[in-house]
Amino acid sequence: MDTFSTNYEKHPEGICRWDEVKRRAVVDAIDRCRGNYLIAARSLGIGRTTIYRLAKAYNYQRPMAQRNS
């Protein structure tokens, strides 16, 4: 799983762009909620349609293991 905390240190000088922080938050929330967009959206405090829109904008695709469950 690609989490924000493990990858933050990999950026030069420990700085992330705001759009990268948002992308990681969305992807991490969806992954942690096992692909349940509604629960992921609620955990982030955003709407269901917003998380679908952001996931599409970030070209997010759930891992194969999550698709089959």
Protein backbone atom coordinates (compact mmCIF):
# COMPACT_ATOMS: atom_id res chain seq x y z
CA MET A 1 0.00 0.00 0.00
CA ASP A 2 1.26 3.41 -0.95
CA THR A 3 0.85 5.57 2.15
CA PHE A 4 1.51 9.25 2.54
CA SER A 5 3.84 8.90 5.51
CA THR A 6 6.16 6.38 3.86
CA ASN A 7 6.57 8.40 0.66
CA TYR A 8 6.72 11.91 2.12
CA GLU A 9 10.38 11.50 3.11
CA LYS A 10 11.30 10.45 -0.45
CA HIS A 11 10.67 13.93 -1.84
CA PRO A 12 13.63 16.26 -2.15
CA GLU A 13 13.93 18.43 0.93
CA GLY A 14 10.84 16.73 2.42
CA ILE A 15 8.46 19.01 0.52
CA CYS A 16 5.33 17.88 -1.33
CA ARG A 17 3.24 19.92 -3.72
CA TRP A 18 -0.33 20.50 -2.51
CA ASP A 19 -1.83 18.54 -5.43
CA GLU A 20 0.41 15.59 -4.55
CA VAL A 21 -0.71 15.73 -0.91
CA LYS A 22 -4.35 15.69 -2.04
CA ARG A 23 -3.76 12.82 -4.47
CA ARG A 24 -2.07 10.72 -1.80
CA ALA A 25 -4.81 11.44 0.72
CA VAL A 26 -7.51 10.31 -1.73
CA VAL A 27 -5.65 7.20 -2.90
CA ASP A 28 -4.68 6.21 0.63
CA ALA A 29 -8.25 6.66 1.91
CA ILE A 30 -9.70 4.51 -0.89
CA ASP A 31 -7.08 1.82 -0.32
CA ARG A 32 -7.60 1.80 3.45
CA CYS A 33 -11.36 1.53 2.95
CA ARG A 34 -10.81 -1.43 0.59
CA GLY A 35 -12.26 0.40 -2.40
CA ASN A 36 -15.38 1.68 -0.66
CA TYR A 37 -15.59 5.21 -2.04
CA LEU A 38 -18.43 6.28 0.26
CA ILE A 39 -16.56 5.39 3.45
CA ALA A 40 -13.34 6.88 2.06
CA ALA A 41 -15.14 10.12 1.22
CA ARG A 42 -16.67 10.31 4.69
CA SER A 43 -13.27 9.71 6.30
CA LEU A 44 -11.86 12.66 4.34
CA GLY A 45 -14.87 14.88 4.99
CA ILE A 46 -15.74 15.23 1.30
CA GLY A 47 -18.72 14.16 -0.79
CA ARG A 48 -19.07 10.85 -2.61
CA THR A 49 -19.16 12.50 -6.03
CA THR A 50 -16.08 14.54 -5.15
CA ILE A 51 -14.00 11.46 -4.35
CA TYR A 52 -15.12 9.79 -7.60
CA ARG A 53 -14.16 12.95 -9.51
CA LEU A 54 -10.77 13.18 -7.80
CA ALA A 55 -10.03 9.47 -8.29
CA LYS A 56 -10.81 9.86 -12.00
CA ALA A 57 -8.66 13.01 -12.24
CA TYR A 58 -5.76 11.13 -10.61
CA ASN A 59 -6.30 8.09 -12.88
CA TYR A 60 -6.71 5.91 -9.80
CA GLN A 61 -7.46 2.23 -10.35
CA ARG A 62 -8.06 -0.15 -7.50
CA PRO A 63 -5.56 -3.01 -7.19
CA MET A 64 -6.70 -6.29 -8.77
CA ALA A 65 -7.08 -7.98 -5.37
CA GLN A 66 -9.66 -5.37 -4.35
CA ARG A 67 -11.57 -5.62 -7.64
CA ASN A 68 -12.18 -9.34 -7.20
CA SER A 69 -13.57 -9.09 -3.68
